[in-house]
């Protein structure tokens, strides 16, 4: 039994995920990607974009059949949320080029966890310390172990 998904934020989140993944896959297909040593630098992003697209399809499809977490919302709040999501993604993309991937990831995780945590200074271990540790782990994993070059910047 299909429901009207247009008043649920989850439906639009799924559509934005699909659009971003499609744009990334098009960039890989037609962009200027360097050839890598064995798998090529496009292999990991391509798998990630496909996973994001599949998740977006599942989120939107679940909203259509009545499985969603959010309550019905006004279309204006849904559109504002979509604009904030896309703007945040573009800002992170631009900052990654200037500050470097690791620094941008750490800042994004600190801001995100601080916004989602009540009294972030009281829970400083999970809201502030853990994002920096996660960013360093991502740097070591991708740059040092797998040898996937990430955008460099201020520190890394």
N, C-alpha and C. Protein backbone atom coordinates (compact mmCIF):
# COMPACT_ATOMS: atom_id res chain seq x y z
N UNK A 1 0.84 -1.16 0.00
CA UNK A 1 0.00 0.00 0.00
C UNK A 1 0.90 1.24 0.00
N UNK A 2 0.81 2.05 -1.03
CA UNK A 2 1.65 3.23 -1.16
C UNK A 2 1.05 4.41 -0.41
N UNK A 3 1.90 5.17 0.22
CA UNK A 3 1.49 6.36 0.95
C UNK A 3 2.02 7.58 0.20
N UNK A 4 1.55 8.74 0.59
CA UNK A 4 2.05 9.98 0.00
C UNK A 4 3.35 10.37 0.69
N UNK A 5 4.49 10.17 0.05
CA UNK A 5 5.77 10.43 0.72
C UNK A 5 6.21 11.90 0.66
N UNK A 6 5.49 12.73 -0.08
CA UNK A 6 5.96 14.09 -0.34
C UNK A 6 5.98 14.99 0.89
N UNK A 7 5.32 14.60 1.96
CA UNK A 7 5.29 15.42 3.16
C UNK A 7 6.24 14.90 4.24
N UNK A 8 7.09 13.97 3.87
CA UNK A 8 8.02 13.41 4.84
C UNK A 8 9.44 13.76 4.45
N UNK A 9 10.19 14.20 5.42
CA UNK A 9 11.57 14.61 5.17
C UNK A 9 12.42 13.45 4.69
N UNK A 10 12.16 12.26 5.16
CA UNK A 10 12.96 11.09 4.76
C UNK A 10 12.95 10.89 3.25
N UNK A 11 11.83 11.13 2.61
CA UNK A 11 11.73 10.96 1.16
C UNK A 11 12.72 11.87 0.44
N UNK A 12 12.78 13.13 0.86
CA UNK A 12 13.67 14.09 0.22
C UNK A 12 15.13 13.82 0.56
N UNK A 13 15.39 13.34 1.77
CA UNK A 13 16.76 12.95 2.11
C UNK A 13 17.24 11.86 1.16
N UNK A 14 16.39 10.87 0.90
CA UNK A 14 16.73 9.80 -0.04
C UNK A 14 16.99 10.34 -1.43
N UNK A 15 16.16 11.28 -1.89
CA UNK A 15 16.36 11.86 -3.22
C UNK A 15 17.68 12.65 -3.31
N UNK A 16 18.00 13.38 -2.25
CA UNK A 16 19.27 14.13 -2.24
C UNK A 16 20.45 13.16 -2.26
N UNK A 17 20.34 12.07 -1.51
CA UNK A 17 21.41 11.06 -1.52
C UNK A 17 21.59 10.48 -2.92
N UNK A 18 20.49 10.18 -3.59
CA UNK A 18 20.56 9.64 -4.95
C UNK A 18 21.19 10.65 -5.90
N UNK A 19 20.80 11.92 -5.79
CA UNK A 19 21.33 12.96 -6.68
C UNK A 19 22.83 13.17 -6.47
N UNK A 20 23.26 13.20 -5.22
CA UNK A 20 24.68 13.39 -4.94
C UNK A 20 25.49 12.20 -5.45
N UNK A 21 24.99 11.00 -5.24
CA UNK A 21 25.69 9.81 -5.71
C UNK A 21 25.74 9.78 -7.24
N UNK A 22 24.66 10.17 -7.90
CA UNK A 22 24.65 10.20 -9.36
C UNK A 22 25.65 11.22 -9.89
N UNK A 23 25.72 12.38 -9.24
CA UNK A 23 26.69 13.39 -9.66
C UNK A 23 28.12 12.88 -9.48
N UNK A 24 28.37 12.20 -8.38
CA UNK A 24 29.70 11.63 -8.15
C UNK A 24 30.06 10.57 -9.17
N UNK A 25 29.11 9.70 -9.50
CA UNK A 25 29.37 8.66 -10.50
C UNK A 25 29.60 9.26 -11.88
N UNK A 26 28.86 10.32 -12.21
CA UNK A 26 29.09 11.00 -13.48
C UNK A 26 30.46 11.66 -13.52
N UNK A 27 30.88 12.22 -12.38
CA UNK A 27 32.21 12.83 -12.31
C UNK A 27 33.29 11.77 -12.51
N UNK A 28 33.10 10.60 -11.93
CA UNK A 28 34.08 9.53 -12.12
C UNK A 28 34.10 9.07 -13.58
N UNK A 29 32.91 8.96 -14.17
CA UNK A 29 32.84 8.46 -15.55
C UNK A 29 33.40 9.46 -16.55
N UNK A 30 33.16 10.75 -16.35
CA UNK A 30 33.55 11.74 -17.35
C UNK A 30 34.58 12.73 -16.84
N UNK A 31 35.00 12.61 -15.59
CA UNK A 31 35.95 13.56 -15.02
C UNK A 31 37.38 13.22 -15.36
N UNK A 32 38.28 13.99 -14.81
CA UNK A 32 39.71 13.83 -15.07
C UNK A 32 40.33 13.06 -13.90
N UNK A 33 40.12 11.75 -13.86
CA UNK A 33 40.67 10.91 -12.80
C UNK A 33 42.00 10.34 -13.25
N UNK A 34 42.98 10.38 -12.34
CA UNK A 34 44.30 9.84 -12.64
C UNK A 34 44.23 8.31 -12.65
N UNK A 35 45.10 7.70 -13.40
CA UNK A 35 45.17 6.23 -13.36
C UNK A 35 46.00 5.83 -12.15
N UNK A 36 45.54 4.85 -11.42
CA UNK A 36 46.22 4.42 -10.20
C UNK A 36 47.17 3.27 -10.47
N UNK A 37 47.80 2.79 -9.38
CA UNK A 37 48.77 1.72 -9.53
C UNK A 37 48.07 0.41 -9.87
N UNK A 38 47.10 -0.01 -9.05
CA UNK A 38 46.46 -1.30 -9.30
C UNK A 38 44.97 -1.15 -9.58
N UNK A 39 44.20 -0.57 -8.65
CA UNK A 39 42.77 -0.44 -8.87
C UNK A 39 42.39 0.92 -9.41
N UNK A 40 43.22 1.89 -9.29
CA UNK A 40 42.87 3.22 -9.72
C UNK A 40 42.23 4.00 -8.59
N UNK A 41 42.40 5.31 -8.60
CA UNK A 41 41.89 6.12 -7.50
C UNK A 41 40.37 6.23 -7.49
N UNK A 42 39.71 5.85 -8.59
CA UNK A 42 38.26 5.96 -8.64
C UNK A 42 37.54 4.77 -8.03
N UNK A 43 38.24 3.70 -7.70
CA UNK A 43 37.58 2.48 -7.23
C UNK A 43 36.84 2.69 -5.91
N UNK A 44 37.50 3.26 -4.92
CA UNK A 44 36.85 3.45 -3.62
C UNK A 44 35.70 4.46 -3.70
N UNK A 45 35.89 5.64 -4.32
CA UNK A 45 34.76 6.56 -4.42
C UNK A 45 33.59 5.97 -5.21
N UNK A 46 33.88 5.18 -6.22
CA UNK A 46 32.80 4.58 -7.02
C UNK A 46 31.97 3.63 -6.16
N UNK A 47 32.61 2.80 -5.37
CA UNK A 47 31.89 1.89 -4.48
C UNK A 47 31.09 2.70 -3.44
N UNK A 48 31.69 3.76 -2.91
CA UNK A 48 31.00 4.59 -1.92
C UNK A 48 29.77 5.26 -2.54
N UNK A 49 29.90 5.79 -3.74
CA UNK A 49 28.76 6.43 -4.40
C UNK A 49 27.64 5.43 -4.68
N UNK A 50 27.99 4.24 -5.08
CA UNK A 50 26.96 3.21 -5.33
C UNK A 50 26.26 2.86 -4.03
N UNK A 51 27.01 2.75 -2.93
CA UNK A 51 26.39 2.46 -1.64
C UNK A 51 25.48 3.60 -1.20
N UNK A 52 25.90 4.85 -1.41
CA UNK A 52 25.07 6.00 -1.06
C UNK A 52 23.79 6.01 -1.89
N UNK A 53 23.92 5.69 -3.18
CA UNK A 53 22.75 5.66 -4.05
C UNK A 53 21.77 4.57 -3.60
N UNK A 54 22.29 3.40 -3.27
CA UNK A 54 21.41 2.32 -2.81
C UNK A 54 20.72 2.69 -1.50
N UNK A 55 21.44 3.34 -0.60
CA UNK A 55 20.84 3.78 0.66
C UNK A 55 19.75 4.82 0.41
N UNK A 56 20.00 5.73 -0.52
CA UNK A 56 18.99 6.73 -0.87
C UNK A 56 17.74 6.11 -1.45
N UNK A 57 17.92 5.10 -2.29
CA UNK A 57 16.76 4.40 -2.86
C UNK A 57 15.97 3.72 -1.75
N UNK A 58 16.67 3.10 -0.81
CA UNK A 58 15.98 2.42 0.29
C UNK A 58 15.23 3.41 1.19
N UNK A 59 15.83 4.55 1.48
CA UNK A 59 15.17 5.55 2.34
C UNK A 59 13.91 6.06 1.65
N UNK A 60 14.02 6.42 0.38
CA UNK A 60 12.85 6.94 -0.35
C UNK A 60 11.80 5.86 -0.53
N UNK A 61 12.20 4.64 -0.85
CA UNK A 61 11.24 3.55 -1.05
C UNK A 61 10.51 3.22 0.26
N UNK A 62 11.23 3.20 1.37
CA UNK A 62 10.59 2.93 2.66
C UNK A 62 9.57 4.02 3.01
N UNK A 63 9.87 5.26 2.64
CA UNK A 63 8.91 6.33 2.90
C UNK A 63 7.65 6.12 2.07
N UNK A 64 7.81 5.64 0.84
CA UNK A 64 6.65 5.39 -0.03
C UNK A 64 5.73 4.30 0.52
N UNK A 65 6.29 3.32 1.20
CA UNK A 65 5.45 2.23 1.70
C UNK A 65 5.05 2.45 3.16
N UNK A 66 5.39 3.62 3.71
CA UNK A 66 4.92 3.95 5.05
C UNK A 66 5.87 3.68 6.18
N UNK A 67 7.12 3.36 5.88
CA UNK A 67 8.12 3.13 6.94
C UNK A 67 9.03 4.35 6.98
N UNK A 68 8.90 5.16 8.01
CA UNK A 68 9.71 6.36 8.14
C UNK A 68 9.82 6.70 9.61
N UNK A 69 10.88 7.44 9.93
CA UNK A 69 11.11 7.83 11.31
C UNK A 69 10.52 9.20 11.61
N UNK A 70 10.48 10.05 10.61
CA UNK A 70 10.05 11.42 10.83
C UNK A 70 8.53 11.55 10.77
N UNK A 71 8.03 12.55 11.44
CA UNK A 71 6.61 12.86 11.34
C UNK A 71 6.38 13.72 10.10
N UNK A 72 5.12 13.90 9.73
CA UNK A 72 4.84 14.77 8.60
C UNK A 72 5.31 16.17 8.92
N UNK A 73 5.88 16.83 7.92
CA UNK A 73 6.38 18.17 8.13
C UNK A 73 5.89 19.07 7.02
N UNK A 74 5.97 20.35 7.29
CA UNK A 74 5.61 21.33 6.26
C UNK A 74 6.66 21.30 5.17
N UNK A 75 6.24 21.55 3.96
CA UNK A 75 7.15 21.48 2.81
C UNK A 75 8.29 22.49 2.94
N UNK A 76 8.03 23.64 3.58
CA UNK A 76 9.07 24.65 3.74
C UNK A 76 10.21 24.11 4.61
N UNK A 77 9.88 23.44 5.71
CA UNK A 77 10.94 22.90 6.57
C UNK A 77 11.70 21.79 5.87
N UNK A 78 11.02 21.03 5.03
CA UNK A 78 11.69 19.97 4.26
C UNK A 78 12.67 20.60 3.26
N UNK A 79 12.24 21.64 2.58
CA UNK A 79 13.11 22.31 1.61
C UNK A 79 14.30 22.99 2.29
N UNK A 80 14.07 23.59 3.45
CA UNK A 80 15.16 24.22 4.19
C UNK A 80 16.18 23.16 4.60
N UNK A 81 15.70 22.02 5.05
CA UNK A 81 16.61 20.94 5.43
C UNK A 81 17.42 20.48 4.23
N UNK A 82 16.80 20.35 3.07
CA UNK A 82 17.52 19.93 1.86
C UNK A 82 18.57 20.95 1.47
N UNK A 83 18.23 22.22 1.54
CA UNK A 83 19.19 23.28 1.19
C UNK A 83 20.36 23.27 2.16
N UNK A 84 20.09 23.08 3.44
CA UNK A 84 21.16 23.03 4.44
C UNK A 84 22.06 21.83 4.20
N UNK A 85 21.47 20.68 3.88
CA UNK A 85 22.27 19.47 3.62
C UNK A 85 23.19 19.67 2.42
N UNK A 86 22.65 20.15 1.32
CA UNK A 86 23.45 20.33 0.11
C UNK A 86 24.50 21.42 0.31
N UNK A 87 24.11 22.52 0.95
CA UNK A 87 25.06 23.60 1.22
C UNK A 87 26.19 23.12 2.12
N UNK A 88 25.85 22.33 3.13
CA UNK A 88 26.89 21.79 4.02
C UNK A 88 27.85 20.88 3.27
N UNK A 89 27.32 20.07 2.37
CA UNK A 89 28.17 19.20 1.57
C UNK A 89 29.11 19.98 0.66
N UNK A 90 28.58 21.02 0.03
CA UNK A 90 29.42 21.87 -0.84
C UNK A 90 30.48 22.58 -0.02
N UNK A 91 30.09 23.09 1.16
CA UNK A 91 31.06 23.75 2.03
C UNK A 91 32.17 22.79 2.45
N UNK A 92 31.80 21.56 2.82
CA UNK A 92 32.82 20.58 3.18
C UNK A 92 33.74 20.27 2.01
N UNK A 93 33.18 20.17 0.81
CA UNK A 93 33.99 19.92 -0.38
C UNK A 93 34.99 21.05 -0.60
N UNK A 94 34.53 22.29 -0.48
CA UNK A 94 35.42 23.44 -0.68
C UNK A 94 36.47 23.54 0.42
N UNK A 95 36.06 23.27 1.66
CA UNK A 95 37.03 23.32 2.76
C UNK A 95 38.07 22.21 2.66
N UNK A 96 37.68 21.05 2.16
CA UNK A 96 38.63 19.94 2.03
C UNK A 96 39.76 20.32 1.08
N UNK A 97 39.46 21.11 0.06
CA UNK A 97 40.50 21.56 -0.85
C UNK A 97 41.43 22.58 -0.24
N UNK A 98 40.92 23.39 0.68
CA UNK A 98 41.72 24.45 1.31
C UNK A 98 42.43 23.96 2.58
N UNK A 99 41.67 23.32 3.46
CA UNK A 99 42.23 22.92 4.75
C UNK A 99 42.82 21.52 4.74
N UNK A 100 42.42 20.72 3.77
CA UNK A 100 42.83 19.32 3.73
C UNK A 100 41.71 18.44 4.24
N UNK A 101 41.70 17.21 3.79
CA UNK A 101 40.62 16.30 4.13
C UNK A 101 40.56 16.00 5.61
N UNK A 102 41.70 15.74 6.22
CA UNK A 102 41.73 15.33 7.62
C UNK A 102 41.25 16.44 8.54
N UNK A 103 41.72 17.66 8.32
CA UNK A 103 41.31 18.79 9.15
C UNK A 103 39.83 19.08 8.95
N UNK A 104 39.37 19.04 7.69
CA UNK A 104 37.95 19.29 7.40
C UNK A 104 37.07 18.22 8.03
N UNK A 105 37.50 16.96 7.94
CA UNK A 105 36.73 15.87 8.54
C UNK A 105 36.63 16.06 10.05
N UNK A 106 37.74 16.41 10.69
CA UNK A 106 37.73 16.61 12.14
C UNK A 106 36.79 17.76 12.52
N UNK A 107 36.87 18.87 11.80
CA UNK A 107 35.99 20.01 12.10
C UNK A 107 34.53 19.67 11.87
N UNK A 108 34.24 18.97 10.77
CA UNK A 108 32.86 18.59 10.47
C UNK A 108 32.30 17.65 11.54
N UNK A 109 33.12 16.70 11.98
CA UNK A 109 32.66 15.77 13.02
C UNK A 109 32.46 16.47 14.36
N UNK A 110 33.33 17.42 14.69
CA UNK A 110 33.16 18.17 15.94
C UNK A 110 31.88 19.01 15.89
N UNK A 111 31.67 19.71 14.77
CA UNK A 111 30.46 20.54 14.65
C UNK A 111 29.22 19.67 14.67
N UNK A 112 29.23 18.58 13.90
CA UNK A 112 28.07 17.69 13.86
C UNK A 112 27.76 17.06 15.20
N UNK A 113 28.78 16.55 15.87
CA UNK A 113 28.54 15.91 17.16
C UNK A 113 28.16 16.93 18.23
N UNK A 114 28.68 18.14 18.13
CA UNK A 114 28.32 19.18 19.09
C UNK A 114 26.86 19.61 18.91
N UNK A 115 26.41 19.68 17.65
CA UNK A 115 25.02 20.04 17.40
C UNK A 115 24.05 18.96 17.83
N UNK A 116 24.48 17.71 17.76
CA UNK A 116 23.61 16.60 18.09
C UNK A 116 23.68 16.17 19.56
N UNK A 117 24.61 16.74 20.32
CA UNK A 117 24.79 16.36 21.72
C UNK A 117 24.30 17.47 22.63
N UNK A 118 23.53 17.09 23.63
CA UNK A 118 23.16 18.08 24.64
C UNK A 118 24.37 18.34 25.51
N UNK A 119 24.65 19.59 25.76
CA UNK A 119 25.79 20.01 26.57
C UNK A 119 27.08 19.37 26.07
N UNK A 120 27.53 19.76 24.87
CA UNK A 120 28.73 19.10 24.30
C UNK A 120 30.00 19.28 25.14
N UNK A 121 30.11 20.39 25.87
CA UNK A 121 31.30 20.56 26.70
C UNK A 121 31.29 19.61 27.88
N UNK A 122 30.12 19.23 28.32
CA UNK A 122 30.02 18.26 29.41
C UNK A 122 30.40 16.86 28.91
N UNK A 123 30.07 16.57 27.66
CA UNK A 123 30.41 15.29 27.04
C UNK A 123 31.56 15.49 26.04
N UNK A 124 32.61 16.13 26.48
CA UNK A 124 33.69 16.51 25.58
C UNK A 124 34.41 15.32 24.96
N UNK A 125 34.38 14.19 25.61
CA UNK A 125 35.07 13.02 25.06
C UNK A 125 34.42 12.55 23.77
N UNK A 126 33.10 12.52 23.73
CA UNK A 126 32.41 12.06 22.53
C UNK A 126 32.13 13.18 21.55
N UNK A 127 31.99 14.41 22.02
CA UNK A 127 31.65 15.51 21.13
C UNK A 127 32.87 16.19 20.53
N UNK A 128 34.00 16.14 21.21
CA UNK A 128 35.18 16.88 20.73
C UNK A 128 36.37 15.95 20.51
N UNK A 129 36.71 15.15 21.48
CA UNK A 129 37.90 14.31 21.37
C UNK A 129 37.73 13.19 20.35
N UNK A 130 36.62 12.47 20.40
CA UNK A 130 36.38 11.34 19.50
C UNK A 130 36.42 11.73 18.02
N UNK A 131 35.85 12.89 17.59
CA UNK A 131 35.96 13.27 16.18
C UNK A 131 37.40 13.47 15.71
N UNK A 132 38.26 14.03 16.56
CA UNK A 132 39.66 14.20 16.17
C UNK A 132 40.36 12.85 16.06
N UNK A 133 40.07 11.95 16.97
CA UNK A 133 40.65 10.60 16.91
C UNK A 133 40.17 9.89 15.64
N UNK A 134 38.88 10.03 15.31
CA UNK A 134 38.34 9.41 14.09
C UNK A 134 39.01 9.97 12.84
N UNK A 135 39.26 11.27 12.81
CA UNK A 135 39.92 11.87 11.65
C UNK A 135 41.35 11.36 11.49
N UNK A 136 42.07 11.23 12.59
CA UNK A 136 43.44 10.70 12.53
C UNK A 136 43.42 9.24 12.07
N UNK A 137 42.46 8.46 12.55
CA UNK A 137 42.35 7.06 12.13
C UNK A 137 42.06 6.99 10.63
N UNK A 138 41.18 7.85 10.13
CA UNK A 138 40.89 7.87 8.69
C UNK A 138 42.14 8.22 7.89
N UNK A 139 42.92 9.18 8.38
CA UNK A 139 44.16 9.56 7.70
C UNK A 139 45.13 8.38 7.65
N UNK A 140 45.33 7.74 8.79
CA UNK A 140 46.26 6.60 8.83
C UNK A 140 45.76 5.47 7.94
N UNK A 141 44.48 5.18 8.00
CA UNK A 141 43.91 4.10 7.21
C UNK A 141 44.06 4.35 5.72
N UNK A 142 43.64 5.51 5.26
CA UNK A 142 43.64 5.76 3.82
C UNK A 142 44.99 6.16 3.27
N UNK A 143 45.68 7.08 3.92
CA UNK A 143 46.93 7.59 3.36
C UNK A 143 48.10 6.66 3.65
N UNK A 144 48.22 6.20 4.88
CA UNK A 144 49.38 5.40 5.24
C UNK A 144 49.23 3.92 4.88
N UNK A 145 48.07 3.33 5.13
CA UNK A 145 47.92 1.90 4.90
C UNK A 145 47.48 1.55 3.48
N UNK A 146 46.43 2.20 3.00
CA UNK A 146 45.91 1.86 1.67
C UNK A 146 46.57 2.67 0.56
N UNK A 147 47.22 3.76 0.93
CA UNK A 147 47.91 4.64 -0.02
C UNK A 147 46.96 5.32 -1.00
N UNK A 148 45.81 5.75 -0.50
CA UNK A 148 44.88 6.54 -1.30
C UNK A 148 45.15 8.00 -0.97
N UNK A 149 45.55 8.79 -1.95
CA UNK A 149 45.87 10.19 -1.66
C UNK A 149 44.60 10.98 -1.35
N UNK A 150 44.62 11.67 -0.24
CA UNK A 150 43.53 12.55 0.15
C UNK A 150 43.97 13.99 -0.06
N UNK A 151 43.03 14.92 -0.25
CA UNK A 151 43.43 16.31 -0.43
C UNK A 151 44.26 16.80 0.75
N UNK A 152 45.43 17.35 0.46
CA UNK A 152 46.30 17.87 1.50
C UNK A 152 45.89 19.28 1.86
N UNK A 153 46.41 19.76 2.97
CA UNK A 153 46.05 21.09 3.41
C UNK A 153 46.98 21.58 4.48
N UNK A 154 46.42 22.12 5.54
CA UNK A 154 47.20 22.76 6.59
C UNK A 154 48.15 21.82 7.30
N UNK A 155 47.63 20.72 7.83
CA UNK A 155 48.46 19.86 8.67
C UNK A 155 48.86 18.55 7.99
N UNK A 156 47.94 17.96 7.21
CA UNK A 156 48.21 16.64 6.64
C UNK A 156 48.14 16.73 5.13
